[in-house]
Amino acid sequence: MTPHNYFTAALTVAFLSASFAYYNYSINPPNKSEKDVLQYEVVPIENAVGPESFAFDSNGEGPYTGVSDGRIIKWHPLQKRWFNFATTYSHRNDQCGGPYNKHIKTEHICGRPLGLCFSNITSDLYIADAYKGLIIVGPNGGTATTVSSHIQGSPFGFTNSVDIDQQTGTVYFTSSSSKYERRYHTNTHS
């Protein structure tokens, strides 16, 4: 089968899927009352930006998210504010804080947590940090420690996602590049 035929087949499948979904929706439209509409709340983060992943612990608390200065923060709904839960760098200092437009210049030192996932077996939080690799912090927070930062002698270039098979405990993570770090994919002239 030629590439053109693959494309035509894929396009046909996409069209048929969309047609079926539209047809099914028009026959059985959802019955939404006002109480069924999702409620949302804007939750500001001060002195940092860029949550890319959210996780809830095994008790349903959170969300937890990683931000631009290397912290993992936890939302406390009753107090309506974020608290520091963990950091990705053991020698954290003033260099890692400050205005968020400066974080892009220090994230390779302070860390940039992108993916988060709790283990329901151990209650540990696994963190895919763009620079530190796969790191872990216990259920009470603190400074994360390295699980893996290299493969066959080469450092991970851009670790960014993590998930756990909650039945087996197997941890899966991705690294988007073995050559370029995250800072080479972002604007460093802020």
N, C-alpha and C. Protein backbone atom coordinates (compact mmCIF):
# COMPACT_ATOMS: atom_id res chain seq x y z
N MET A 1 0.85 -1.17 0.00
CA MET A 1 0.00 0.00 0.00
C MET A 1 0.90 1.24 0.00
N THR A 2 0.59 2.19 -0.86
CA THR A 2 1.42 3.39 -0.98
C THR A 2 1.06 4.38 0.13
N PRO A 3 1.94 5.35 0.40
CA PRO A 3 1.62 6.37 1.40
C PRO A 3 0.31 7.09 1.09
N HIS A 4 0.05 7.34 -0.19
CA HIS A 4 -1.19 8.01 -0.56
C HIS A 4 -2.40 7.17 -0.16
N ASN A 5 -2.31 5.85 -0.37
CA ASN A 5 -3.41 4.96 0.01
C ASN A 5 -3.60 4.92 1.53
N TYR A 6 -2.48 4.93 2.29
CA TYR A 6 -2.59 4.97 3.74
C TYR A 6 -3.31 6.25 4.18
N PHE A 7 -2.91 7.36 3.57
CA PHE A 7 -3.53 8.63 3.91
C PHE A 7 -5.02 8.61 3.59
N THR A 8 -5.38 8.09 2.41
CA THR A 8 -6.79 8.02 2.01
C THR A 8 -7.58 7.13 2.97
N ALA A 9 -6.99 5.99 3.35
CA ALA A 9 -7.67 5.10 4.29
C ALA A 9 -7.85 5.76 5.66
N ALA A 10 -6.82 6.44 6.13
CA ALA A 10 -6.90 7.13 7.43
C ALA A 10 -7.95 8.23 7.39
N LEU A 11 -7.98 8.98 6.30
CA LEU A 11 -8.95 10.05 6.15
C LEU A 11 -10.38 9.49 6.11
N THR A 12 -10.56 8.38 5.44
CA THR A 12 -11.88 7.74 5.37
C THR A 12 -12.33 7.28 6.75
N VAL A 13 -11.43 6.65 7.51
CA VAL A 13 -11.76 6.20 8.86
C VAL A 13 -12.11 7.39 9.73
N ALA A 14 -11.35 8.47 9.65
CA ALA A 14 -11.62 9.66 10.45
C ALA A 14 -12.98 10.25 10.09
N PHE A 15 -13.28 10.31 8.80
CA PHE A 15 -14.57 10.86 8.35
C PHE A 15 -15.73 10.00 8.84
N LEU A 16 -15.59 8.68 8.70
CA LEU A 16 -16.66 7.78 9.15
C LEU A 16 -16.86 7.86 10.66
N SER A 17 -15.77 7.95 11.41
CA SER A 17 -15.86 8.08 12.86
C SER A 17 -16.57 9.37 13.25
N ALA A 18 -16.19 10.47 12.60
CA ALA A 18 -16.83 11.75 12.90
C ALA A 18 -18.31 11.72 12.52
N SER A 19 -18.62 11.11 11.38
CA SER A 19 -20.02 11.02 10.95
C SER A 19 -20.84 10.22 11.93
N PHE A 20 -20.29 9.08 12.39
CA PHE A 20 -21.00 8.25 13.35
C PHE A 20 -21.24 9.01 14.65
N ALA A 21 -20.22 9.69 15.12
CA ALA A 21 -20.35 10.45 16.37
C ALA A 21 -21.41 11.54 16.23
N TYR A 22 -21.41 12.25 15.11
CA TYR A 22 -22.40 13.30 14.89
C TYR A 22 -23.80 12.71 14.81
N TYR A 23 -23.95 11.60 14.08
CA TYR A 23 -25.25 10.95 13.93
C TYR A 23 -25.75 10.46 15.29
N ASN A 24 -24.89 9.81 16.06
CA ASN A 24 -25.27 9.31 17.38
C ASN A 24 -25.66 10.45 18.31
N TYR A 25 -24.92 11.56 18.26
CA TYR A 25 -25.21 12.71 19.11
C TYR A 25 -26.56 13.33 18.73
N SER A 26 -26.87 13.40 17.42
CA SER A 26 -28.13 14.03 17.01
C SER A 26 -29.34 13.16 17.36
N ILE A 27 -29.16 11.83 17.42
CA ILE A 27 -30.27 10.95 17.81
C ILE A 27 -30.44 10.95 19.33
N ASN A 28 -29.32 10.93 20.05
CA ASN A 28 -29.35 10.86 21.51
C ASN A 28 -28.61 12.04 22.12
N PRO A 29 -29.12 13.26 21.99
CA PRO A 29 -28.38 14.40 22.57
C PRO A 29 -28.34 14.27 24.08
N PRO A 30 -27.25 14.74 24.68
CA PRO A 30 -27.16 14.64 26.14
C PRO A 30 -28.25 15.48 26.80
N ASN A 31 -28.79 14.96 27.87
CA ASN A 31 -29.83 15.66 28.62
C ASN A 31 -29.15 16.35 29.80
N LYS A 32 -28.78 17.58 29.59
CA LYS A 32 -28.04 18.32 30.62
C LYS A 32 -28.96 19.30 31.32
N SER A 33 -29.01 19.18 32.61
CA SER A 33 -29.71 20.20 33.39
C SER A 33 -28.64 21.15 33.92
N GLU A 34 -29.06 22.22 34.50
CA GLU A 34 -28.10 23.21 34.99
C GLU A 34 -27.18 22.62 36.06
N LYS A 35 -27.69 21.68 36.86
CA LYS A 35 -26.85 21.10 37.91
C LYS A 35 -25.79 20.14 37.36
N ASP A 36 -25.98 19.66 36.09
CA ASP A 36 -25.02 18.76 35.48
C ASP A 36 -23.84 19.49 34.84
N VAL A 37 -23.94 20.79 34.67
CA VAL A 37 -22.88 21.55 34.03
C VAL A 37 -21.67 21.57 34.97
N LEU A 38 -20.51 21.33 34.41
CA LEU A 38 -19.29 21.30 35.22
C LEU A 38 -19.02 22.66 35.85
N GLN A 39 -18.60 22.64 37.07
CA GLN A 39 -18.22 23.85 37.78
C GLN A 39 -16.70 23.96 37.75
N TYR A 40 -16.18 25.14 37.65
CA TYR A 40 -14.75 25.32 37.67
C TYR A 40 -14.40 26.58 38.44
N GLU A 41 -13.14 26.64 38.83
CA GLU A 41 -12.64 27.78 39.59
C GLU A 41 -11.23 28.07 39.10
N VAL A 42 -10.91 29.32 38.86
CA VAL A 42 -9.57 29.71 38.48
C VAL A 42 -8.73 29.76 39.76
N VAL A 43 -7.61 29.07 39.73
CA VAL A 43 -6.74 28.98 40.90
C VAL A 43 -5.39 29.60 40.54
N PRO A 44 -5.15 30.83 40.95
CA PRO A 44 -3.89 31.50 40.56
C PRO A 44 -2.68 30.91 41.28
N ILE A 45 -1.56 30.96 40.60
CA ILE A 45 -0.28 30.56 41.19
C ILE A 45 0.60 31.80 41.22
N GLU A 46 1.16 32.09 42.38
CA GLU A 46 1.97 33.29 42.54
C GLU A 46 3.45 32.96 42.36
N ASN A 47 4.18 33.84 41.72
CA ASN A 47 5.63 33.78 41.55
C ASN A 47 6.12 32.56 40.77
N ALA A 48 5.28 31.98 39.99
CA ALA A 48 5.68 30.86 39.13
C ALA A 48 4.63 30.69 38.05
N VAL A 49 4.98 29.95 37.03
CA VAL A 49 4.04 29.66 35.94
C VAL A 49 4.23 28.22 35.50
N GLY A 50 3.37 27.81 34.61
CA GLY A 50 3.60 26.61 33.84
C GLY A 50 3.23 25.27 34.41
N PRO A 51 2.13 25.14 35.17
CA PRO A 51 1.78 23.77 35.53
C PRO A 51 1.46 22.98 34.27
N GLU A 52 2.10 21.83 34.10
CA GLU A 52 1.87 21.01 32.91
C GLU A 52 1.22 19.70 33.26
N SER A 53 1.18 19.36 34.52
CA SER A 53 0.61 18.08 34.94
C SER A 53 0.00 18.27 36.32
N PHE A 54 -1.08 17.58 36.55
CA PHE A 54 -1.70 17.58 37.87
C PHE A 54 -1.81 16.16 38.35
N ALA A 55 -1.71 15.96 39.66
CA ALA A 55 -1.86 14.63 40.24
C ALA A 55 -2.58 14.76 41.57
N PHE A 56 -3.33 13.75 41.90
CA PHE A 56 -3.98 13.65 43.20
C PHE A 56 -3.38 12.45 43.92
N ASP A 57 -3.15 12.58 45.24
CA ASP A 57 -2.56 11.47 45.97
C ASP A 57 -3.60 10.38 46.22
N SER A 58 -3.19 9.29 46.85
CA SER A 58 -4.09 8.15 47.05
C SER A 58 -5.23 8.45 48.00
N ASN A 59 -5.14 9.57 48.73
CA ASN A 59 -6.24 10.01 49.60
C ASN A 59 -7.18 10.97 48.89
N GLY A 60 -6.89 11.26 47.63
CA GLY A 60 -7.71 12.19 46.86
C GLY A 60 -7.38 13.65 47.12
N GLU A 61 -6.29 13.90 47.84
CA GLU A 61 -5.90 15.28 48.14
C GLU A 61 -5.13 15.87 46.97
N GLY A 62 -5.19 17.17 46.85
CA GLY A 62 -4.51 17.88 45.78
C GLY A 62 -5.48 18.81 45.09
N PRO A 63 -5.14 19.21 43.90
CA PRO A 63 -4.10 18.67 43.04
C PRO A 63 -2.71 19.15 43.46
N TYR A 64 -1.74 18.40 42.98
CA TYR A 64 -0.33 18.75 43.07
C TYR A 64 0.09 19.13 41.65
N THR A 65 1.02 20.06 41.54
CA THR A 65 1.55 20.39 40.21
C THR A 65 2.98 20.90 40.35
N GLY A 66 3.74 20.78 39.27
CA GLY A 66 5.09 21.31 39.23
C GLY A 66 5.08 22.66 38.55
N VAL A 67 5.91 23.57 39.02
CA VAL A 67 5.94 24.92 38.45
C VAL A 67 7.36 25.31 38.04
N SER A 68 7.46 26.49 37.42
CA SER A 68 8.67 26.91 36.71
C SER A 68 9.92 27.10 37.57
N ASP A 69 9.79 27.19 38.87
CA ASP A 69 10.99 27.38 39.70
C ASP A 69 11.47 26.08 40.35
N GLY A 70 10.94 24.94 39.90
CA GLY A 70 11.40 23.66 40.42
C GLY A 70 10.63 23.12 41.60
N ARG A 71 9.59 23.82 42.02
CA ARG A 71 8.79 23.35 43.15
C ARG A 71 7.64 22.48 42.68
N ILE A 72 7.21 21.60 43.56
CA ILE A 72 5.94 20.91 43.40
C ILE A 72 5.06 21.48 44.51
N ILE A 73 3.91 21.99 44.12
CA ILE A 73 3.02 22.63 45.08
C ILE A 73 1.72 21.85 45.19
N LYS A 74 1.07 22.00 46.32
CA LYS A 74 -0.17 21.28 46.61
C LYS A 74 -1.26 22.29 46.94
N TRP A 75 -2.42 22.09 46.34
CA TRP A 75 -3.56 22.97 46.58
C TRP A 75 -4.32 22.50 47.81
N HIS A 76 -4.61 23.45 48.70
CA HIS A 76 -5.44 23.18 49.88
C HIS A 76 -6.76 23.90 49.68
N PRO A 77 -7.82 23.17 49.34
CA PRO A 77 -9.08 23.80 48.97
C PRO A 77 -9.74 24.60 50.10
N LEU A 78 -9.61 24.17 51.33
CA LEU A 78 -10.24 24.90 52.43
C LEU A 78 -9.56 26.25 52.67
N GLN A 79 -8.24 26.28 52.50
CA GLN A 79 -7.51 27.54 52.68
C GLN A 79 -7.41 28.32 51.37
N LYS A 80 -7.80 27.70 50.27
CA LYS A 80 -7.79 28.34 48.94
C LYS A 80 -6.43 28.92 48.60
N ARG A 81 -5.39 28.09 48.80
CA ARG A 81 -4.04 28.53 48.43
C ARG A 81 -3.14 27.32 48.23
N TRP A 82 -2.01 27.58 47.57
CA TRP A 82 -1.01 26.56 47.30
C TRP A 82 0.01 26.52 48.43
N PHE A 83 0.52 25.34 48.74
CA PHE A 83 1.59 25.16 49.70
C PHE A 83 2.74 24.42 49.01
N ASN A 84 3.96 24.72 49.42
CA ASN A 84 5.11 23.99 48.90
C ASN A 84 5.04 22.56 49.41
N PHE A 85 5.20 21.60 48.52
CA PHE A 85 5.20 20.19 48.89
C PHE A 85 6.60 19.59 48.72
N ALA A 86 7.23 19.89 47.60
CA ALA A 86 8.54 19.29 47.34
C ALA A 86 9.35 20.20 46.42
N THR A 87 10.66 19.93 46.37
CA THR A 87 11.54 20.62 45.43
C THR A 87 12.37 19.57 44.70
N THR A 88 12.87 19.96 43.55
CA THR A 88 13.67 19.03 42.75
C THR A 88 15.17 19.24 42.94
N TYR A 89 15.53 20.22 43.75
CA TYR A 89 16.94 20.59 43.88
C TYR A 89 17.29 20.71 45.36
N SER A 90 18.29 19.95 45.80
CA SER A 90 18.64 19.93 47.23
C SER A 90 19.35 21.19 47.69
N HIS A 91 19.98 21.93 46.78
CA HIS A 91 20.70 23.15 47.16
C HIS A 91 19.94 24.39 46.73
N ARG A 92 18.65 24.35 46.91
CA ARG A 92 17.77 25.45 46.51
C ARG A 92 18.18 26.73 47.23
N ASN A 93 18.25 27.83 46.49
CA ASN A 93 18.59 29.12 47.08
C ASN A 93 17.79 30.21 46.37
N ASP A 94 18.16 31.46 46.59
CA ASP A 94 17.45 32.59 45.97
C ASP A 94 17.47 32.53 44.45
N GLN A 95 18.49 31.87 43.90
CA GLN A 95 18.60 31.76 42.46
C GLN A 95 17.38 31.05 41.86
N CYS A 96 16.77 30.14 42.61
CA CYS A 96 15.63 29.38 42.11
C CYS A 96 14.30 30.12 42.27
N GLY A 97 14.25 31.13 43.08
CA GLY A 97 13.01 31.88 43.28
C GLY A 97 12.97 33.13 42.43
N GLY A 98 12.31 34.14 42.95
CA GLY A 98 12.25 35.41 42.25
C GLY A 98 11.19 35.45 41.17
N PRO A 99 11.23 36.49 40.35
CA PRO A 99 10.21 36.65 39.31
C PRO A 99 10.23 35.49 38.32
N TYR A 100 9.04 35.05 37.95
CA TYR A 100 8.96 33.87 37.10
C TYR A 100 9.57 34.06 35.72
N ASN A 101 9.71 35.30 35.25
CA ASN A 101 10.32 35.48 33.92
C ASN A 101 11.82 35.18 33.96
N LYS A 102 12.40 35.00 35.13
CA LYS A 102 13.82 34.64 35.27
C LYS A 102 14.01 33.12 35.38
N HIS A 103 12.94 32.37 35.63
CA HIS A 103 13.06 30.93 35.86
C HIS A 103 13.61 30.19 34.65
N ILE A 104 13.30 30.65 33.46
CA ILE A 104 13.76 29.98 32.25
C ILE A 104 15.28 29.93 32.19
N LYS A 105 15.93 30.91 32.82
CA LYS A 105 17.39 30.98 32.81
C LYS A 105 18.04 30.09 33.87
N THR A 106 17.25 29.65 34.86
CA THR A 106 17.81 28.84 35.94
C THR A 106 17.18 27.45 36.05
N GLU A 107 16.23 27.13 35.19
CA GLU A 107 15.54 25.86 35.36
C GLU A 107 16.47 24.66 35.17
N HIS A 108 17.54 24.78 34.40
CA HIS A 108 18.46 23.66 34.25
C HIS A 108 19.22 23.39 35.56
N ILE A 109 19.24 24.36 36.47
CA ILE A 109 19.86 24.19 37.78
C ILE A 109 18.81 23.81 38.82
N CYS A 110 17.70 24.53 38.82
CA CYS A 110 16.66 24.38 39.85
C CYS A 110 15.67 23.26 39.55
N GLY A 111 15.64 22.81 38.29
CA GLY A 111 14.71 21.76 37.91
C GLY A 111 13.46 22.33 37.29
N ARG A 112 12.80 21.49 36.50
CA ARG A 112 11.52 21.87 35.89
C ARG A 112 10.63 20.63 35.86
N PRO A 113 9.84 20.44 36.95
CA PRO A 113 8.97 19.27 37.01
C PRO A 113 7.82 19.39 36.01
N LEU A 114 7.73 18.42 35.11
CA LEU A 114 6.70 18.47 34.07
C LEU A 114 5.62 17.41 34.28
N GLY A 115 5.99 16.19 34.56
CA GLY A 115 5.01 15.11 34.75
C GLY A 115 5.00 14.64 36.18
N LEU A 116 3.80 14.34 36.69
CA LEU A 116 3.64 13.88 38.07
C LEU A 116 2.72 12.67 38.10
N CYS A 117 3.04 11.71 38.97
CA CYS A 117 2.14 10.58 39.18
C CYS A 117 2.43 9.94 40.53
N PHE A 118 1.39 9.76 41.34
CA PHE A 118 1.53 9.09 42.63
C PHE A 118 1.41 7.59 42.45
N SER A 119 2.18 6.86 43.21
CA SER A 119 2.02 5.41 43.30
C SER A 119 0.99 5.12 44.37
N ASN A 120 -0.05 4.40 44.02
CA ASN A 120 -1.05 4.01 45.02
C ASN A 120 -0.51 2.93 45.95
N ILE A 121 0.56 2.26 45.53
CA ILE A 121 1.15 1.20 46.34
C ILE A 121 2.01 1.78 47.45
N THR A 122 2.86 2.77 47.13
CA THR A 122 3.81 3.33 48.11
C THR A 122 3.44 4.73 48.58
N SER A 123 2.53 5.39 47.88
CA SER A 123 2.15 6.80 48.10
C SER A 123 3.26 7.78 47.74
N ASP A 124 4.33 7.29 47.11
CA ASP A 124 5.41 8.17 46.65
C ASP A 124 4.95 8.92 45.40
N LEU A 125 5.49 10.11 45.22
CA LEU A 125 5.23 10.90 44.03
C LEU A 125 6.41 10.77 43.09
N TYR A 126 6.15 10.27 41.89
CA TYR A 126 7.17 10.19 40.85
C TYR A 126 7.06 11.46 40.00
N ILE A 127 8.21 12.03 39.67
CA ILE A 127 8.28 13.31 38.97
C ILE A 127 9.17 13.15 37.74
N ALA A 128 8.64 13.53 36.59
CA ALA A 128 9.45 13.60 35.37
C ALA A 128 9.93 15.04 35.29
N ASP A 129 11.19 15.25 35.60
CA ASP A 129 11.77 16.58 35.58
C ASP A 129 12.59 16.73 34.30
N ALA A 130 12.38 17.82 33.59
CA ALA A 130 13.02 18.02 32.29
C ALA A 130 14.54 17.88 32.36
N TYR A 131 15.16 18.21 33.49
CA TYR A 131 16.61 18.20 33.61
C TYR A 131 17.14 17.13 34.55
N LYS A 132 16.40 16.80 35.57
CA LYS A 132 16.87 15.87 36.59
C LYS A 132 16.56 14.41 36.25
N GLY A 133 15.68 14.19 35.26
CA GLY A 133 15.29 12.83 34.91
C GLY A 133 14.08 12.39 35.71
N LEU A 134 14.01 11.11 36.01
CA LEU A 134 12.93 10.57 36.83
C LEU A 134 13.36 10.66 38.28
N ILE A 135 12.59 11.38 39.07
CA ILE A 135 12.91 11.58 40.49
C ILE A 135 11.69 11.21 41.32
N ILE A 136 11.90 11.07 42.63
CA ILE A 136 10.84 10.61 43.51
C ILE A 136 10.89 11.37 44.82
N VAL A 137 9.73 11.58 45.41
CA VAL A 137 9.64 12.17 46.74
C VAL A 137 8.59 11.37 47.53
N GLY A 138 8.83 11.22 48.82
CA GLY A 138 7.92 10.45 49.66
C GLY A 138 6.59 11.15 49.88
N PRO A 139 5.66 10.49 50.52
CA PRO A 139 4.31 11.02 50.70
C PRO A 139 4.23 12.29 51.55
N ASN A 140 5.30 12.60 52.30
CA ASN A 140 5.30 13.81 53.12
C ASN A 140 6.04 14.97 52.46
N GLY A 141 6.49 14.77 51.21
CA GLY A 141 7.18 15.84 50.49
C GLY A 141 8.64 15.93 50.87
N GLY A 142 9.24 17.09 50.56
CA GLY A 142 10.65 17.31 50.84
C GLY A 142 11.43 17.46 49.55
N THR A 143 12.69 17.07 49.58
CA THR A 143 13.54 17.15 48.40
C THR A 143 13.51 15.81 47.67
N ALA A 144 13.27 15.88 46.39
CA ALA A 144 13.20 14.67 45.57
C ALA A 144 14.59 14.06 45.38
N THR A 145 14.63 12.76 45.20
CA THR A 145 15.88 12.05 44.92
C THR A 145 15.77 11.38 43.54
N THR A 146 16.92 11.14 42.96
CA THR A 146 16.97 10.59 41.61
C THR A 146 16.67 9.10 41.59
N VAL A 147 15.79 8.71 40.68
CA VAL A 147 15.54 7.30 40.38
C VAL A 147 16.40 6.91 39.18
N SER A 148 16.34 7.74 38.13
CA SER A 148 17.12 7.48 36.92
C SER A 148 17.31 8.79 36.15
N SER A 149 18.53 9.03 35.72
CA SER A 149 18.81 10.24 34.94
C SER A 149 19.57 9.93 33.65
N HIS A 150 19.98 8.68 33.49
CA HIS A 150 20.77 8.28 32.33
C HIS A 150 20.28 6.92 31.82
N ILE A 151 20.56 6.66 30.57
CA ILE A 151 20.37 5.33 30.02
C ILE A 151 21.60 4.99 29.19
N GLN A 152 22.20 3.86 29.51
CA GLN A 152 23.41 3.41 28.83
C GLN A 152 24.46 4.51 28.75
N GLY A 153 24.63 5.24 29.85
CA GLY A 153 25.66 6.28 29.94
C GLY A 153 25.28 7.63 29.38
N SER A 154 24.14 7.75 28.73
CA SER A 154 23.72 9.03 28.16
C SER A 154 22.60 9.63 29.00
N PRO A 155 22.71 10.93 29.33
CA PRO A 155 21.65 11.55 30.13
C PRO A 155 20.37 11.72 29.33
N PHE A 156 19.25 11.65 30.04
CA PHE A 156 17.98 11.97 29.40
C PHE A 156 18.03 13.45 29.05
N GLY A 157 17.59 13.82 27.90
CA GLY A 157 17.68 15.20 27.47
C GLY A 157 16.49 16.06 27.85
N PHE A 158 15.33 15.43 28.02
CA PHE A 158 14.11 16.24 28.18
C PHE A 158 13.01 15.33 28.73
N THR A 159 13.15 14.92 29.98
CA THR A 159 12.16 14.04 30.60
C THR A 159 10.89 14.84 30.83
N ASN A 160 9.74 14.30 30.41
CA ASN A 160 8.56 15.15 30.50
C ASN A 160 7.25 14.50 30.89
N SER A 161 7.17 13.21 30.98
CA SER A 161 5.89 12.59 31.34
C SER A 161 6.15 11.32 32.13
N VAL A 162 5.23 11.01 33.02
CA VAL A 162 5.36 9.79 33.83
C VAL A 162 3.97 9.24 34.13
N ASP A 163 3.88 7.93 34.15
CA ASP A 163 2.65 7.26 34.56
C ASP A 163 3.04 5.95 35.23
N ILE A 164 2.13 5.42 36.02
CA ILE A 164 2.40 4.20 36.78
C ILE A 164 1.26 3.22 36.55
N ASP A 165 1.61 1.98 36.28
CA ASP A 165 0.62 0.91 36.27
C ASP A 165 0.33 0.61 37.74
N GLN A 166 -0.82 1.04 38.21
CA GLN A 166 -1.14 0.95 39.64
C GLN A 166 -1.31 -0.48 40.12
N GLN A 167 -1.50 -1.42 39.23
CA GLN A 167 -1.63 -2.82 39.63
C GLN A 167 -0.28 -3.49 39.84
N THR A 168 0.68 -3.15 38.98
CA THR A 168 1.99 -3.80 39.07
C THR A 168 3.05 -2.92 39.71
N GLY A 169 2.82 -1.60 39.72
CA GLY A 169 3.82 -0.67 40.23
C GLY A 169 4.87 -0.27 39.21
N THR A 170 4.74 -0.76 37.97
CA THR A 170 5.69 -0.41 36.92
C THR A 170 5.56 1.06 36.57
N VAL A 171 6.69 1.76 36.53
CA VAL A 171 6.72 3.18 36.23
C VAL A 171 7.16 3.36 34.78
N TYR A 172 6.39 4.15 34.03
CA TYR A 172 6.70 4.47 32.65
C TYR A 172 6.97 5.97 32.56
N PHE A 173 7.99 6.35 31.79
CA PHE A 173 8.24 7.77 31.60
C PHE A 173 8.81 8.01 30.22
N THR A 174 8.73 9.26 29.78
CA THR A 174 9.22 9.61 28.45
C THR A 174 10.29 10.69 28.55
N SER A 175 11.14 10.68 27.55
CA SER A 175 12.12 11.75 27.36
C SER A 175 12.01 12.16 25.90
N SER A 176 11.71 13.42 25.67
CA SER A 176 11.43 13.89 24.31
C SER A 176 12.67 14.04 23.44
N SER A 177 13.83 14.09 24.04
CA SER A 177 15.03 14.27 23.25
C SER A 177 16.22 13.66 23.98
N SER A 178 17.09 13.05 23.22
CA SER A 178 18.34 12.56 23.80
C SER A 178 19.48 13.52 23.48
N LYS A 179 19.15 14.56 22.72
CA LYS A 179 20.18 15.50 22.28
C LYS A 179 20.01 16.90 22.87
N TYR A 180 18.77 17.39 22.94
CA TYR A 180 18.53 18.77 23.35
C TYR A 180 17.74 18.84 24.64
N GLU A 181 18.18 19.72 25.53
CA GLU A 181 17.44 19.97 26.76
C GLU A 181 16.27 20.89 26.49
N ARG A 182 15.36 20.97 27.45
CA ARG A 182 14.16 21.80 27.33
C ARG A 182 14.52 23.26 27.05
N ARG A 183 15.57 23.74 27.69
CA ARG A 183 15.92 25.17 27.54
C ARG A 183 16.26 25.54 26.11
N TYR A 184 16.60 24.56 25.28
CA TYR A 184 16.87 24.84 23.88
C TYR A 184 15.59 24.88 23.05
N HIS A 185 14.48 24.52 23.68
CA HIS A 185 13.17 24.55 23.01
C HIS A 185 12.34 25.74 23.46
N THR A 186 12.86 26.57 24.33
CA THR A 186 12.11 27.71 24.86
C THR A 186 12.85 29.00 24.59
N ASN A 187 12.14 30.09 24.74
CA ASN A 187 12.73 31.40 24.52
C ASN A 187 13.51 31.80 25.75
N THR A 188 14.81 31.94 25.65
CA THR A 188 15.65 32.31 26.79
C THR A 188 15.93 33.80 26.86
N HIS A 189 15.27 34.59 26.02
CA HIS A 189 15.54 36.02 26.01
C HIS A 189 14.41 36.81 26.67
N SER A 190 13.81 36.24 27.71
CA SER A 190 12.70 36.93 28.40
C SER A 190 13.20 38.07 29.23
